[in-house]
Amino acid sequence: MTGVEGVFKKQGISGCFHEISGQSPRDSSVRHSCVGRDGEWVFDPHPIGDGVNEDLTFGIFVALEPWRFVCDKTVTEKP
């Protein structure tokens, strides 16, 4: 397996949400980004929802200071 899916499988990663960007299906001169999970796009923010024509690049979402999402929003230090 190659491409984005292959990277996740090779590393034993599953359940990972990430960004996938590639050519827009509406205009090949424009790049477009979608939300992916484990190498496959699962959400397109564009109203038409066509995704991307080719998975060219991807990035992984990283939560900085993740304890802020589970603790009081006023927390300034790690619990």
PDB file of N, CA and C in Angstrom:
ATOM      1  N   MET A   1       0.849  -1.176   0.000  1.00  0.00           N
ATOM      2  CA  MET A   1       0.000   0.000   0.000  1.00  0.00           C
ATOM      3  C   MET A   1       0.893   1.238   0.000  1.00  0.00           C
ATOM      4  N   THR A   2       0.557   2.211  -0.829  1.00  0.00           N
ATOM      5  CA  THR A   2       1.349   3.430  -0.920  1.00  0.00           C
ATOM      6  C   THR A   2       0.489   4.634  -0.574  1.00  0.00           C
ATOM      7  N   GLY A   3       1.063   5.807  -0.630  1.00  0.00           N
ATOM      8  CA  GLY A   3       0.326   7.034  -0.369  1.00  0.00           C
ATOM      9  C   GLY A   3       0.061   7.247   1.105  1.00  0.00           C
ATOM     10  N   VAL A   4      -0.883   8.110   1.377  1.00  0.00           N
ATOM     11  CA  VAL A   4      -1.211   8.476   2.751  1.00  0.00           C
ATOM     12  C   VAL A   4      -1.632   7.261   3.565  1.00  0.00           C
ATOM     13  N   GLU A   5      -2.483   6.401   2.992  1.00  0.00           N
ATOM     14  CA  GLU A   5      -2.947   5.216   3.720  1.00  0.00           C
ATOM     15  C   GLU A   5      -1.775   4.338   4.138  1.00  0.00           C
ATOM     16  N   GLY A   6      -0.789   4.201   3.251  1.00  0.00           N
ATOM     17  CA  GLY A   6       0.374   3.369   3.528  1.00  0.00           C
ATOM     18  C   GLY A   6       1.199   3.881   4.693  1.00  0.00           C
ATOM     19  N   VAL A   7       1.321   5.191   4.821  1.00  0.00           N
ATOM     20  CA  VAL A   7       2.087   5.778   5.922  1.00  0.00           C
ATOM     21  C   VAL A   7       1.462   5.403   7.255  1.00  0.00           C
ATOM     22  N   PHE A   8       0.158   5.528   7.369  1.00  0.00           N
ATOM     23  CA  PHE A   8      -0.510   5.207   8.626  1.00  0.00           C
ATOM     24  C   PHE A   8      -0.434   3.715   8.927  1.00  0.00           C
ATOM     25  N   LYS A   9      -0.693   2.874   7.950  1.00  0.00           N
ATOM     26  CA  LYS A   9      -0.630   1.416   8.164  1.00  0.00           C
ATOM     27  C   LYS A   9       0.772   0.984   8.571  1.00  0.00           C
ATOM     28  N   LYS A  10       1.793   1.503   7.881  1.00  0.00           N
ATOM     29  CA  LYS A  10       3.183   1.126   8.155  1.00  0.00           C
ATOM     30  C   LYS A  10       3.575   1.471   9.594  1.00  0.00           C
ATOM     31  N   GLN A  11       3.076   2.583  10.112  1.00  0.00           N
ATOM     32  CA  GLN A  11       3.407   3.013  11.468  1.00  0.00           C
ATOM     33  C   GLN A  11       2.470   2.429  12.529  1.00  0.00           C
ATOM     34  N   GLY A  12       1.463   1.667  12.106  1.00  0.00           N
ATOM     35  CA  GLY A  12       0.523   1.076  13.054  1.00  0.00           C
ATOM     36  C   GLY A  12      -0.414   2.097  13.677  1.00  0.00           C
ATOM     37  N   ILE A  13      -0.677   3.180  12.951  1.00  0.00           N
ATOM     38  CA  ILE A  13      -1.542   4.244  13.458  1.00  0.00           C
ATOM     39  C   ILE A  13      -2.958   4.031  12.945  1.00  0.00           C
ATOM     40  N   SER A  14      -3.941   4.133  13.839  1.00  0.00           N
ATOM     41  CA  SER A  14      -5.339   4.070  13.407  1.00  0.00           C
ATOM     42  C   SER A  14      -6.157   5.060  14.220  1.00  0.00           C
ATOM     43  N   GLY A  15      -7.236   5.540  13.628  1.00  0.00           N
ATOM     44  CA  GLY A  15      -8.099   6.499  14.303  1.00  0.00           C
ATOM     45  C   GLY A  15      -7.547   7.908  14.324  1.00  0.00           C
ATOM     46  N   CYS A  16      -6.607   8.212  13.437  1.00  0.00           N
ATOM     47  CA  CYS A  16      -5.949   9.518  13.420  1.00  0.00           C
ATOM     48  C   CYS A  16      -6.607  10.451  12.402  1.00  0.00           C
ATOM     49  N   PHE A  17      -7.103  11.577  12.884  1.00  0.00           N
ATOM     50  CA  PHE A  17      -7.642  12.593  11.983  1.00  0.00           C
ATOM     51  C   PHE A  17      -6.497  13.459  11.481  1.00  0.00           C
ATOM     52  N   HIS A  18      -6.572  13.869  10.229  1.00  0.00           N
ATOM     53  CA  HIS A  18      -5.503  14.661   9.626  1.00  0.00           C
ATOM     54  C   HIS A  18      -6.048  15.453   8.457  1.00  0.00           C
ATOM     55  N   GLU A  19      -5.201  16.297   7.902  1.00  0.00           N
ATOM     56  CA  GLU A  19      -5.547  17.108   6.742  1.00  0.00           C
ATOM     57  C   GLU A  19      -5.006  16.433   5.491  1.00  0.00           C
ATOM     58  N   ILE A  20      -5.804  16.409   4.438  1.00  0.00           N
ATOM     59  CA  ILE A  20      -5.359  15.923   3.132  1.00  0.00           C
ATOM     60  C   ILE A  20      -5.573  17.067   2.145  1.00  0.00           C
ATOM     61  N   SER A  21      -4.541  17.386   1.369  1.00  0.00           N
ATOM     62  CA  SER A  21      -4.731  18.427   0.358  1.00  0.00           C
ATOM     63  C   SER A  21      -4.279  17.922  -0.997  1.00  0.00           C
ATOM     64  N   GLY A  22      -4.922  18.439  -2.018  1.00  0.00           N
ATOM     65  CA  GLY A  22      -4.610  18.056  -3.390  1.00  0.00           C
ATOM     66  C   GLY A  22      -5.348  18.962  -4.352  1.00  0.00           C
ATOM     67  N   GLN A  23      -5.434  18.546  -5.594  1.00  0.00           N
ATOM     68  CA  GLN A  23      -6.126  19.338  -6.602  1.00  0.00           C
ATOM     69  C   GLN A  23      -7.621  19.383  -6.314  1.00  0.00           C
ATOM     70  N   SER A  24      -8.190  20.566  -6.469  1.00  0.00           N
ATOM     71  CA  SER A  24      -9.635  20.713  -6.324  1.00  0.00           C
ATOM     72  C   SER A  24     -10.329  20.079  -7.521  1.00  0.00           C
ATOM     73  N   PRO A  25     -11.396  19.319  -7.298  1.00  0.00           N
ATOM     74  CA  PRO A  25     -12.132  18.744  -8.422  1.00  0.00           C
ATOM     75  C   PRO A  25     -12.889  19.810  -9.223  1.00  0.00           C
ATOM     76  N   ARG A  26     -13.047  20.984  -8.643  1.00  0.00           N
ATOM     77  CA  ARG A  26     -13.757  22.057  -9.331  1.00  0.00           C
ATOM     78  C   ARG A  26     -12.841  22.894 -10.209  1.00  0.00           C
ATOM     79  N   ASP A  27     -11.552  22.993  -9.870  1.00  0.00           N
ATOM     80  CA  ASP A  27     -10.592  23.794 -10.630  1.00  0.00           C
ATOM     81  C   ASP A  27      -9.208  23.201 -10.395  1.00  0.00           C
ATOM     82  N   SER A  28      -8.628  22.565 -11.400  1.00  0.00           N
ATOM     83  CA  SER A  28      -7.354  21.854 -11.235  1.00  0.00           C
ATOM     84  C   SER A  28      -6.178  22.782 -10.939  1.00  0.00           C
ATOM     85  N   SER A  29      -6.349  24.092 -11.096  1.00  0.00           N
ATOM     86  CA  SER A  29      -5.260  25.022 -10.780  1.00  0.00           C
ATOM     87  C   SER A  29      -5.299  25.455  -9.312  1.00  0.00           C
ATOM     88  N   VAL A  30      -6.290  24.958  -8.569  1.00  0.00           N
ATOM     89  CA  VAL A  30      -6.470  25.338  -7.167  1.00  0.00           C
ATOM     90  C   VAL A  30      -6.272  24.117  -6.277  1.00  0.00           C
ATOM     91  N   ARG A  31      -5.528  24.315  -5.167  1.00  0.00           N
ATOM     92  CA  ARG A  31      -5.386  23.246  -4.176  1.00  0.00           C
ATOM     93  C   ARG A  31      -6.534  23.357  -3.179  1.00  0.00           C
ATOM     94  N   HIS A  32      -6.921  22.226  -2.632  1.00  0.00           N
ATOM     95  CA  HIS A  32      -8.061  22.163  -1.717  1.00  0.00           C
ATOM     96  C   HIS A  32      -7.698  21.220  -0.582  1.00  0.00           C
ATOM     97  N   SER A  33      -8.214  21.476   0.595  1.00  0.00           N
ATOM     98  CA  SER A  33      -7.943  20.625   1.756  1.00  0.00           C
ATOM     99  C   SER A  33      -9.223  20.049   2.335  1.00  0.00           C
ATOM    100  N   CYS A  34      -9.118  18.823   2.825  1.00  0.00           N
ATOM    101  CA  CYS A  34     -10.227  18.114   3.468  1.00  0.00           C
ATOM    102  C   CYS A  34      -9.712  17.486   4.755  1.00  0.00           C
ATOM    103  N   VAL A  35     -10.625  17.045   5.588  1.00  0.00           N
ATOM    104  CA  VAL A  35     -10.266  16.299   6.790  1.00  0.00           C
ATOM    105  C   VAL A  35     -10.227  14.824   6.421  1.00  0.00           C
ATOM    106  N   GLY A  36      -9.159  14.158   6.824  1.00  0.00           N
ATOM    107  CA  GLY A  36      -9.033  12.731   6.571  1.00  0.00           C
ATOM    108  C   GLY A  36      -8.954  11.953   7.870  1.00  0.00           C
ATOM    109  N   ARG A  37      -9.139  10.660   7.762  1.00  0.00           N
ATOM    110  CA  ARG A  37      -8.944   9.754   8.895  1.00  0.00           C
ATOM    111  C   ARG A  37      -8.267   8.511   8.356  1.00  0.00           C
ATOM    112  N   ASP A  38      -7.111   8.197   8.911  1.00  0.00           N
ATOM    113  CA  ASP A  38      -6.329   7.025   8.500  1.00  0.00           C
ATOM    114  C   ASP A  38      -6.072   6.999   6.996  1.00  0.00           C
ATOM    115  N   GLY A  39      -5.835   8.165   6.411  1.00  0.00           N
ATOM    116  CA  GLY A  39      -5.454   8.219   5.004  1.00  0.00           C
ATOM    117  C   GLY A  39      -6.578   8.395   4.011  1.00  0.00           C
ATOM    118  N   GLU A  40      -7.820   8.419   4.462  1.00  0.00           N
ATOM    119  CA  GLU A  40      -8.948   8.603   3.550  1.00  0.00           C
ATOM    120  C   GLU A  40      -9.730   9.841   3.970  1.00  0.00           C
ATOM    121  N   TRP A  41     -10.154  10.640   2.985  1.00  0.00           N
ATOM    122  CA  TRP A  41     -10.880  11.850   3.365  1.00  0.00           C
ATOM    123  C   TRP A  41     -12.275  11.488   3.853  1.00  0.00           C
ATOM    124  N   VAL A  42     -12.686  12.182   4.943  1.00  0.00           N
ATOM    125  CA  VAL A  42     -13.985  11.909   5.559  1.00  0.00           C
ATOM    126  C   VAL A  42     -14.884  13.144   5.621  1.00  0.00           C
ATOM    127  N   PHE A  43     -14.310  14.331   5.418  1.00  0.00           N
ATOM    128  CA  PHE A  43     -15.110  15.552   5.455  1.00  0.00           C
ATOM    129  C   PHE A  43     -14.504  16.594   4.539  1.00  0.00           C
ATOM    130  N   ASP A  44     -15.344  17.184   3.704  1.00  0.00           N
ATOM    131  CA  ASP A  44     -14.938  18.261   2.809  1.00  0.00           C
ATOM    132  C   ASP A  44     -15.690  19.514   3.235  1.00  0.00           C
ATOM    133  N   PRO A  45     -14.983  20.606   3.606  1.00  0.00           N
ATOM    134  CA  PRO A  45     -15.673  21.814   4.046  1.00  0.00           C
ATOM    135  C   PRO A  45     -16.422  22.547   2.931  1.00  0.00           C
ATOM    136  N   HIS A  46     -16.133  22.225   1.680  1.00  0.00           N
ATOM    137  CA  HIS A  46     -16.834  22.878   0.571  1.00  0.00           C
ATOM    138  C   HIS A  46     -18.261  22.331   0.477  1.00  0.00           C
ATOM    139  N   PRO A  47     -19.252  23.198   0.208  1.00  0.00           N
ATOM    140  CA  PRO A  47     -20.653  22.745   0.149  1.00  0.00           C
ATOM    141  C   PRO A  47     -20.915  21.593  -0.829  1.00  0.00           C
ATOM    142  N   ILE A  48     -20.173  21.521  -1.920  1.00  0.00           N
ATOM    143  CA  ILE A  48     -20.379  20.438  -2.888  1.00  0.00           C
ATOM    144  C   ILE A  48     -19.878  19.102  -2.333  1.00  0.00           C
ATOM    145  N   GLY A  49     -18.798  19.130  -1.543  1.00  0.00           N
ATOM    146  CA  GLY A  49     -18.300  17.931  -0.878  1.00  0.00           C
ATOM    147  C   GLY A  49     -17.645  16.898  -1.774  1.00  0.00           C
ATOM    148  N   ASP A  50     -16.932  17.347  -2.815  1.00  0.00           N
ATOM    149  CA  ASP A  50     -16.282  16.421  -3.751  1.00  0.00           C
ATOM    150  C   ASP A  50     -14.919  15.904  -3.304  1.00  0.00           C
ATOM    151  N   GLY A  51     -14.368  16.428  -2.220  1.00  0.00           N
ATOM    152  CA  GLY A  51     -13.047  15.991  -1.777  1.00  0.00           C
ATOM    153  C   GLY A  51     -11.943  16.567  -2.634  1.00  0.00           C
ATOM    154  N   VAL A  52     -10.894  15.789  -2.847  1.00  0.00           N
ATOM    155  CA  VAL A  52      -9.769  16.195  -3.692  1.00  0.00           C
ATOM    156  C   VAL A  52      -9.561  15.143  -4.768  1.00  0.00           C
ATOM    157  N   ASN A  53      -9.003  15.561  -5.898  1.00  0.00           N
ATOM    158  CA  ASN A  53      -8.772  14.625  -6.998  1.00  0.00           C
ATOM    159  C   ASN A  53      -7.624  13.671  -6.726  1.00  0.00           C
ATOM    160  N   GLU A  54      -6.625  14.141  -6.029  1.00  0.00           N
ATOM    161  CA  GLU A  54      -5.454  13.315  -5.780  1.00  0.00           C
ATOM    162  C   GLU A  54      -4.896  13.683  -4.414  1.00  0.00           C
ATOM    163  N   ASP A  55      -4.601  12.695  -3.583  1.00  0.00           N
ATOM    164  CA  ASP A  55      -4.020  12.957  -2.267  1.00  0.00           C
ATOM    165  C   ASP A  55      -2.540  13.245  -2.448  1.00  0.00           C
ATOM    166  N   LEU A  56      -2.169  14.509  -2.392  1.00  0.00           N
ATOM    167  CA  LEU A  56      -0.779  14.864  -2.628  1.00  0.00           C
ATOM    168  C   LEU A  56       0.008  15.085  -1.349  1.00  0.00           C
ATOM    169  N   THR A  57      -0.602  15.722  -0.383  1.00  0.00           N
ATOM    170  CA  THR A  57       0.085  15.975   0.878  1.00  0.00           C
ATOM    171  C   THR A  57      -0.890  15.755   2.033  1.00  0.00           C
ATOM    172  N   PHE A  58      -0.335  15.593   3.225  1.00  0.00           N
ATOM    173  CA  PHE A  58      -1.185  15.485   4.404  1.00  0.00           C
ATOM    174  C   PHE A  58      -0.451  16.041   5.603  1.00  0.00           C
ATOM    175  N   GLY A  59      -1.193  16.445   6.599  1.00  0.00           N
ATOM    176  CA  GLY A  59      -0.644  16.932   7.853  1.00  0.00           C
ATOM    177  C   GLY A  59      -1.470  16.370   8.990  1.00  0.00           C
ATOM    178  N   ILE A  60      -0.866  16.249  10.142  1.00  0.00           N
ATOM    179  CA  ILE A  60      -1.554  15.681  11.299  1.00  0.00           C
ATOM    180  C   ILE A  60      -1.906  16.803  12.265  1.00  0.00           C
ATOM    181  N   PHE A  61      -3.147  16.795  12.773  1.00  0.00           N
ATOM    182  CA  PHE A  61      -3.573  17.778  13.762  1.00  0.00           C
ATOM    183  C   PHE A  61      -2.965  17.407  15.112  1.00  0.00           C
ATOM    184  N   VAL A  62      -2.359  18.371  15.769  1.00  0.00           N
ATOM    185  CA  VAL A  62      -1.773  18.133  17.084  1.00  0.00           C
ATOM    186  C   VAL A  62      -2.383  19.131  18.063  1.00  0.00           C
ATOM    187  N   ALA A  63      -2.921  18.637  19.151  1.00  0.00           N
ATOM    188  CA  ALA A  63      -3.486  19.512  20.180  1.00  0.00           C
ATOM    189  C   ALA A  63      -2.365  19.955  21.110  1.00  0.00           C
ATOM    190  N   LEU A  64      -2.098  21.253  21.126  1.00  0.00           N
ATOM    191  CA  LEU A  64      -1.127  21.794  22.061  1.00  0.00           C
ATOM    192  C   LEU A  64      -1.829  22.011  23.394  1.00  0.00           C
ATOM    193  N   GLU A  65      -1.168  21.666  24.471  1.00  0.00           N
ATOM    194  CA  GLU A  65      -1.757  21.761  25.804  1.00  0.00           C
ATOM    195  C   GLU A  65      -3.104  21.034  25.865  1.00  0.00           C
ATOM    196  N   PRO A  66      -3.128  19.749  25.549  1.00  0.00           N
ATOM    197  CA  PRO A  66      -4.403  19.018  25.473  1.00  0.00           C
ATOM    198  C   PRO A  66      -5.184  18.972  26.777  1.00  0.00           C
ATOM    199  N   TRP A  67      -4.534  19.162  27.912  1.00  0.00           N
ATOM    200  CA  TRP A  67      -5.255  19.135  29.176  1.00  0.00           C
ATOM    201  C   TRP A  67      -6.297  20.259  29.245  1.00  0.00           C
ATOM    202  N   ARG A  68      -6.130  21.314  28.463  1.00  0.00           N
ATOM    203  CA  ARG A  68      -7.101  22.409  28.466  1.00  0.00           C
ATOM    204  C   ARG A  68      -8.460  21.955  27.926  1.00  0.00           C
ATOM    205  N   PHE A  69      -8.480  20.893  27.136  1.00  0.00           N
ATOM    206  CA  PHE A  69      -9.737  20.399  26.579  1.00  0.00           C
ATOM    207  C   PHE A  69     -10.521  19.551  27.575  1.00  0.00           C
ATOM    208  N   VAL A  70      -9.843  19.046  28.604  1.00  0.00           N
ATOM    209  CA  VAL A  70     -10.518  18.188  29.580  1.00  0.00           C
ATOM    210  C   VAL A  70     -10.623  18.837  30.955  1.00  0.00           C
ATOM    211  N   CYS A  71      -9.935  19.952  31.143  1.00  0.00           N
ATOM    212  CA  CYS A  71      -9.961  20.665  32.423  1.00  0.00           C
ATOM    213  C   CYS A  71     -10.653  22.007  32.249  1.00  0.00           C
ATOM    214  N   ASP A  72     -10.810  22.698  33.338  1.00  0.00           N
ATOM    215  CA  ASP A  72     -11.374  24.047  33.320  1.00  0.00           C
ATOM    216  C   ASP A  72     -10.570  24.917  32.359  1.00  0.00           C
ATOM    217  N   LYS A  73     -11.248  25.701  31.552  1.00  0.00           N
ATOM    218  CA  LYS A  73     -10.578  26.550  30.558  1.00  0.00           C
ATOM    219  C   LYS A  73      -9.667  27.589  31.198  1.00  0.00           C
ATOM    220  N   THR A  74      -9.794  27.839  32.492  1.00  0.00           N
ATOM    221  CA  THR A  74      -8.945  28.832  33.143  1.00  0.00           C
ATOM    222  C   THR A  74      -7.647  28.233  33.668  1.00  0.00           C
ATOM    223  N   VAL A  75      -7.469  26.937  33.538  1.00  0.00           N
ATOM    224  CA  VAL A  75      -6.255  26.280  34.020  1.00  0.00           C
ATOM    225  C   VAL A  75      -5.056  26.821  33.256  1.00  0.00           C
ATOM    226  N   THR A  76      -4.001  27.182  33.988  1.00  0.00           N
ATOM    227  CA  THR A  76      -2.801  27.705  33.331  1.00  0.00           C
ATOM    228  C   THR A  76      -1.624  26.746  33.430  1.00  0.00           C
ATOM    229  N   GLU A  77      -1.748  25.733  34.271  1.00  0.00           N
ATOM    230  CA  GLU A  77      -0.689  24.740  34.403  1.00  0.00           C
ATOM    231  C   GLU A  77      -1.270  23.351  34.203  1.00  0.00           C
ATOM    232  N   LYS A  78      -0.379  22.409  33.879  1.00  0.00           N
ATOM    233  CA  LYS A  78      -0.818  21.024  33.733  1.00  0.00           C
ATOM    234  C   LYS A  78      -1.374  20.531  35.062  1.00  0.00           C
ATOM    235  N   PRO A  79      -2.440  19.731  35.015  1.00  0.00           N
ATOM    236  CA  PRO A  79      -3.003  19.190  36.268  1.00  0.00           C
ATOM    237  C   PRO A  79      -2.049  18.208  36.916  1.00  0.00           C
TER     238      PRO A  79
END
